[in-house]
Amino acid sequence: MKAKGAFTLIELLVVIAIIAILAAILFPVFAQAKNAAKKSADLSNVKQISLAVLMYTNDNDDLFPRGYYPNPSAPSYWFTWREASAPYVKNGQNQYLAGVPFMKGGIWRSPNEPADAYNGYGASESLMPPETHWMNPGVFVSSRGPSQLEKISRTVMVSTIGINPDWNAGAAGGIETLLWTYCDWSWPIVWLPDGAARYEGDNRASEGKIGWKLIRYRYNESANIGWADGHVSSLKKGSLHWCRHLYTPGFSSVGGQNDDWLWQPGNACYGMD
C-alpha cells in the first residue's frame, strides 16, 4: 500500500491561516469574558462594602461614618470610613502604617486597580465628610445619615476612585462632591464631560481638577455604584450628574455652604429633582 505523502506547503499555509483567524476571533472574546468576570467581582465588593456602611449606620444613631478621623500622633495617616465599617464584613487585611490600621486586599481591592495600589474604593464626601474640609478648615462639617436624604436610591455612596500616583493610593475620604469639580467655573454653568480625568497616573486633569478623587470607570467605560439605599448598579461614563447623583439638598462636604439655589428657575440644576 502506498504511504500517504506529507502536507504540501499550501495545505500548511491554509491550516495556519485558519488558526490565525480563529485566534483573532476568540482572543477578544476571552478578554471580554475576563473583564466581565472582574466587573462581577467588583460589583460584589461594592455591594458588601455598601451593606457594611449601612450596618454601621444602624449601630451609630443613623449616621454614616466620617470620611476620615484626625490622628494627632500621625497627621499623614487616617482612620477612615473603611476601617470603621470593616468589622461588619470581616474581609481584607487589617494592616498598619505609622501605627494606624488600614484595610487592604479582599473586598477592599477593585480587581482592575493598579497592582500595588490600595484605597481604590471611595465614599461620597457629601455622605461621609471629614470633620473639616481643606477649602474651609474653620467650619465643622456635620455628620450625615440615610434618613436625611431625599433621594436615597439615587445618591452615590460608594464606587471605584482613581489612584493618586504620589501616594500610591486613593484619597483618604473618597469621592469629591464639590460643584467646582464637575463644572468649568463659567456662568451659565457648563458641566465637564463626567467631571474630570479618571486615569491612574493622571493626578490632576488638564482642567486642574483632582481626578484621583473622582469615580474611575475601569470596566468598559462603566463603574459599579453602591447607592445610599444599599442597592448597586453599573453606571456608564457620561451618565453621572452632580445635580442628580452627588449633591444632597441642604448639605455640603465643605460646611457652611448650601447650593440649593441651583435648583431655582434659570439655574444649572433647575428641573432636575
Protein backbone atom coordinates (compact mmCIF):
# COMPACT_ATOMS: atom_id res chain seq x y z
CA MET A 1 0.00 0.00 0.00
CA LYS A 2 1.30 3.42 -0.94
CA ALA A 3 2.14 5.62 2.03
CA LYS A 4 0.37 8.98 2.21
CA GLY A 5 2.65 11.91 1.45
CA ALA A 6 3.36 14.85 3.75
CA PHE A 7 1.32 18.04 3.77
CA THR A 8 2.08 20.41 0.98
CA LEU A 9 3.17 23.96 1.68
CA ILE A 10 -0.22 25.25 0.51
CA GLU A 11 -2.05 22.96 2.94
CA LEU A 12 0.14 24.08 5.84
CA LEU A 13 -0.43 27.73 4.99
CA VAL A 14 -4.18 27.17 4.86
CA VAL A 15 -4.15 25.49 8.30
CA ILE A 16 -2.05 28.29 9.77
CA ALA A 17 -4.37 30.90 8.28
CA ILE A 18 -7.42 29.15 9.78
CA ILE A 19 -5.76 29.01 13.21
CA ALA A 20 -4.86 32.71 12.97
CA ILE A 21 -8.43 33.62 12.05
CA LEU A 22 -9.84 31.59 14.94
CA ALA A 23 -7.36 33.19 17.35
CA ALA A 24 -8.29 36.67 16.12
CA ILE A 25 -11.95 35.85 16.74
CA LEU A 26 -11.54 34.14 20.12
CA PHE A 27 -8.90 36.24 21.90
CA PRO A 28 -11.11 39.36 22.16
CA VAL A 29 -13.94 37.15 23.42
CA PHE A 30 -11.67 35.73 26.11
CA ALA A 31 -10.57 39.25 27.09
CA GLN A 32 -14.18 40.42 27.31
CA ALA A 33 -15.12 37.40 29.40
CA LYS A 34 -12.21 38.09 31.76
CA ASN A 35 -13.21 41.74 32.12
CA ALA A 36 -16.83 40.76 32.69
CA ALA A 37 -15.74 38.41 35.47
CA LYS A 38 -13.72 41.21 37.09
CA LYS A 39 -16.67 43.56 36.79
CA SER A 40 -18.90 41.00 38.54
CA ALA A 41 -16.33 40.60 41.33
CA ASP A 42 -16.14 44.38 41.66
CA LEU A 43 -19.95 44.61 41.84
CA SER A 44 -19.92 42.05 44.65
CA ASN A 45 -17.27 44.07 46.51
CA VAL A 46 -19.28 47.28 46.17
CA LYS A 47 -22.40 45.51 47.42
CA GLN A 48 -20.66 44.12 50.51
CA ILE A 49 -18.99 47.44 51.30
CA SER A 50 -22.29 49.29 50.89
CA LEU A 51 -24.08 46.90 53.24
CA ALA A 52 -21.25 47.22 55.78
CA VAL A 53 -21.62 51.00 55.76
CA LEU A 54 -25.37 50.77 56.25
CA MET A 55 -24.94 48.27 59.10
CA TYR A 56 -22.59 50.78 60.69
CA THR A 57 -25.34 53.43 60.49
CA ASN A 58 -27.78 51.06 62.22
CA ASP A 59 -25.46 50.87 65.23
CA ASN A 60 -24.49 54.54 65.27
CA ASP A 61 -27.61 56.71 65.55
CA ASP A 62 -28.43 56.52 61.83
CA LEU A 63 -25.19 58.32 60.91
CA PHE A 64 -22.63 57.39 58.28
CA PRO A 65 -19.02 57.04 59.43
CA ARG A 66 -16.82 60.09 58.90
CA GLY A 67 -14.73 60.13 55.74
CA TYR A 68 -11.69 60.05 57.97
CA TYR A 69 -10.82 60.82 61.56
CA PRO A 70 -7.86 63.01 62.56
CA ASN A 71 -4.87 61.34 64.16
CA PRO A 72 -2.69 63.81 66.11
CA SER A 73 0.11 61.26 66.57
CA ALA A 74 0.38 60.57 62.82
CA PRO A 75 -1.12 63.52 60.86
CA SER A 76 -0.35 61.96 57.47
CA TYR A 77 -2.45 58.86 58.21
CA TRP A 78 -6.13 58.49 58.92
CA PHE A 79 -8.61 56.07 60.39
CA THR A 80 -11.22 56.20 57.63
CA TRP A 81 -14.77 55.14 56.85
CA ARG A 82 -13.28 51.89 55.52
CA GLU A 83 -11.83 50.85 58.86
CA ALA A 84 -15.00 52.00 60.66
CA SER A 85 -17.24 49.76 58.55
CA ALA A 86 -14.80 46.84 58.04
CA PRO A 87 -15.86 44.88 61.20
CA TYR A 88 -19.27 44.33 59.62
CA VAL A 89 -17.82 42.25 56.78
CA LYS A 90 -14.55 40.93 58.25
CA ASN A 91 -12.89 40.74 54.86
CA GLY A 92 -9.50 42.02 53.81
CA GLN A 93 -6.27 42.58 55.70
CA ASN A 94 -6.09 44.98 58.60
CA GLN A 95 -2.57 46.37 58.17
CA TYR A 96 -0.80 49.27 59.84
CA LEU A 97 1.03 52.38 58.68
CA ALA A 98 2.61 54.53 61.39
CA GLY A 99 0.52 52.64 63.93
CA VAL A 100 -2.75 53.42 62.12
CA PRO A 101 -4.84 50.49 60.81
CA PHE A 102 -5.98 50.46 57.22
CA MET A 103 -7.90 47.95 55.15
CA LYS A 104 -6.13 46.33 52.21
CA GLY A 105 -7.00 43.41 49.98
CA GLY A 106 -10.14 41.29 49.92
CA ILE A 107 -13.27 43.23 49.08
CA TRP A 108 -11.33 46.48 49.57
CA ARG A 109 -9.40 45.92 46.35
CA SER A 110 -11.00 46.58 42.97
CA PRO A 111 -9.94 43.80 40.55
CA ASN A 112 -8.76 46.26 37.89
CA GLU A 113 -6.92 48.80 40.03
CA PRO A 114 -3.11 49.06 39.71
CA ALA A 115 -1.18 46.11 41.11
CA ASP A 116 0.35 47.66 44.24
CA ALA A 117 -2.33 50.25 44.97
CA TYR A 118 -4.81 50.44 47.82
CA ASN A 119 -7.84 52.54 48.80
CA GLY A 120 -9.32 52.04 45.33
CA TYR A 121 -12.87 52.37 46.65
CA GLY A 122 -14.12 55.76 47.78
CA ALA A 123 -17.19 57.06 49.59
CA SER A 124 -19.11 60.21 48.75
CA GLU A 125 -17.78 63.12 50.78
CA SER A 126 -21.29 64.57 50.95
CA LEU A 127 -22.32 61.50 52.95
CA MET A 128 -19.06 60.73 54.74
CA PRO A 129 -17.17 64.02 55.14
CA PRO A 130 -14.08 64.69 57.22
CA GLU A 131 -14.57 66.93 60.25
CA THR A 132 -13.43 69.95 58.27
CA HIS A 133 -12.73 70.48 54.59
CA TRP A 134 -9.45 71.84 53.29
CA MET A 135 -11.30 74.65 51.48
CA ASN A 136 -12.99 75.80 54.69
CA PRO A 137 -10.89 74.46 57.60
CA GLY A 138 -12.51 76.63 60.26
CA VAL A 139 -16.03 75.30 59.72
CA PHE A 140 -17.08 71.97 61.23
CA VAL A 141 -18.88 69.68 58.77
CA SER A 142 -21.83 67.94 60.39
CA SER A 143 -22.40 64.19 60.10
CA ARG A 144 -24.98 62.83 57.73
CA GLY A 145 -27.35 59.85 57.82
CA PRO A 146 -29.56 57.89 55.40
CA SER A 147 -32.81 59.27 56.86
CA GLN A 148 -31.70 62.81 55.96
CA LEU A 149 -31.54 62.03 52.23
CA GLU A 150 -34.41 62.98 49.94
CA LYS A 151 -33.43 60.69 47.04
CA ILE A 152 -31.70 57.84 48.81
CA SER A 153 -31.91 55.38 45.91
CA ARG A 154 -30.25 57.87 43.51
CA THR A 155 -27.49 59.21 45.74
CA VAL A 156 -23.99 57.84 45.14
CA MET A 157 -22.48 56.29 48.27
CA VAL A 158 -19.51 54.08 47.23
CA SER A 159 -17.62 53.44 43.98
CA THR A 160 -14.17 52.94 42.50
CA ILE A 161 -11.92 56.01 42.52
CA GLY A 162 -8.68 56.98 40.81
CA ILE A 163 -5.35 56.12 42.37
CA ASN A 164 -3.12 59.02 43.34
CA PRO A 165 0.31 58.13 41.90
CA ASP A 166 2.07 60.28 44.50
CA TRP A 167 0.55 58.33 47.39
CA ASN A 168 0.03 55.01 45.60
CA ALA A 169 -3.47 55.22 46.97
CA GLY A 170 -6.84 56.84 46.60
CA ALA A 171 -7.95 59.80 48.67
CA ALA A 172 -8.37 59.14 52.38
CA GLY A 173 -12.02 60.15 52.33
CA GLY A 174 -13.27 59.30 48.89
CA ILE A 175 -15.33 60.80 46.08
CA GLU A 176 -15.11 64.58 45.77
CA THR A 177 -18.58 66.15 45.62
CA LEU A 178 -17.87 69.88 45.31
CA LEU A 179 -19.66 71.65 42.48
CA TRP A 180 -16.45 73.15 41.08
CA THR A 181 -15.05 69.66 40.46
CA TYR A 182 -17.80 68.96 37.94
CA CYS A 183 -18.12 72.26 36.10
CA ASP A 184 -15.80 74.67 34.30
CA TRP A 185 -16.37 77.73 36.56
CA SER A 186 -18.22 79.59 33.80
CA TRP A 187 -21.68 81.13 34.01
CA PRO A 188 -24.06 79.83 32.98
CA ILE A 189 -22.51 76.63 34.29
CA VAL A 190 -21.05 74.28 31.69
CA TRP A 191 -20.70 70.75 33.00
CA LEU A 192 -17.46 68.92 32.29
CA PRO A 193 -17.88 65.60 30.48
CA ASP A 194 -18.40 63.46 33.57
CA GLY A 195 -16.33 65.63 35.84
CA ALA A 196 -12.63 65.33 35.05
CA ALA A 197 -9.91 62.88 34.10
CA ARG A 198 -10.19 59.46 35.77
CA TYR A 199 -6.88 57.90 34.82
CA GLU A 200 -4.26 56.32 37.00
CA GLY A 201 -1.04 58.25 36.54
CA ASP A 202 -3.00 61.46 35.88
CA ASN A 203 -3.02 63.06 39.31
CA ARG A 204 -4.70 66.22 38.02
CA ALA A 205 -6.81 66.61 34.93
CA SER A 206 -5.98 69.17 32.25
CA GLU A 207 -8.65 71.44 33.76
CA GLY A 208 -6.82 71.33 37.10
CA LYS A 209 -9.42 69.08 38.72
CA ILE A 210 -8.45 66.47 41.31
CA GLY A 211 -9.12 63.45 39.16
CA TRP A 212 -7.86 60.91 41.69
CA LYS A 213 -10.81 61.74 43.97
CA LEU A 214 -13.39 61.11 41.28
CA ILE A 215 -15.15 57.96 40.13
CA ARG A 216 -12.89 55.77 37.98
CA TYR A 217 -14.55 53.88 35.12
CA ARG A 218 -12.47 50.69 34.97
CA TYR A 219 -14.91 48.29 33.29
CA ASN A 220 -15.60 49.05 29.63
CA GLU A 221 -16.23 52.73 30.38
CA SER A 222 -18.54 51.91 33.28
CA ALA A 223 -18.29 51.87 37.08
CA ASN A 224 -20.20 49.94 39.71
CA ILE A 225 -22.03 52.24 42.10
CA GLY A 226 -23.25 51.50 45.61
CA TRP A 227 -26.25 53.76 46.21
CA ALA A 228 -27.26 55.13 49.59
CA ASP A 229 -30.17 52.70 49.98
CA GLY A 230 -27.79 49.72 49.61
CA HIS A 231 -28.58 48.63 46.06
CA VAL A 232 -25.82 48.51 43.44
CA SER A 233 -25.77 49.04 39.70
CA SER A 234 -23.40 49.79 36.84
CA LEU A 235 -23.24 53.37 35.53
CA LYS A 236 -21.85 54.21 32.10
CA LYS A 237 -19.34 57.01 31.83
CA GLY A 238 -21.18 60.18 30.91
CA SER A 239 -24.41 59.39 32.76
CA LEU A 240 -23.27 60.56 36.20
CA HIS A 241 -24.52 64.05 37.01
CA TRP A 242 -23.71 66.22 40.01
CA CYS A 243 -27.26 67.56 40.39
CA ARG A 244 -28.93 64.16 40.19
CA HIS A 245 -26.47 61.83 41.88
CA LEU A 246 -23.96 63.65 44.10
CA TYR A 247 -25.41 66.76 45.72
CA THR A 248 -27.63 66.23 48.74
CA PRO A 249 -30.02 69.16 49.38
CA GLY A 250 -29.10 71.38 52.30
CA PHE A 251 -25.68 69.85 52.78
CA SER A 252 -22.14 70.36 51.55
CA SER A 253 -18.94 68.46 52.28
CA VAL A 254 -17.26 71.86 52.77
CA GLY A 255 -19.55 73.02 55.57
CA GLY A 256 -21.34 76.34 55.74
CA GLN A 257 -22.18 76.13 52.05
CA ASN A 258 -25.60 75.43 50.61
CA ASP A 259 -26.08 75.16 46.87
CA ASP A 260 -29.83 74.57 46.86
CA TRP A 261 -30.23 77.81 44.89
CA LEU A 262 -29.01 75.95 41.81
CA TRP A 263 -32.45 74.31 41.57
CA GLN A 264 -34.22 77.67 41.22
CA PRO A 265 -35.52 78.71 37.76
CA GLY A 266 -32.75 79.82 35.43
CA ASN A 267 -30.00 77.95 37.28
CA ALA A 268 -27.93 74.89 36.38
CA CYS A 269 -29.96 72.20 38.20
CA TYR A 270 -33.44 73.58 37.52
CA GLY A 271 -35.83 70.80 36.51
CA MET A 272 -33.63 68.05 37.99
CA ASP A 273 -35.35 66.60 41.04
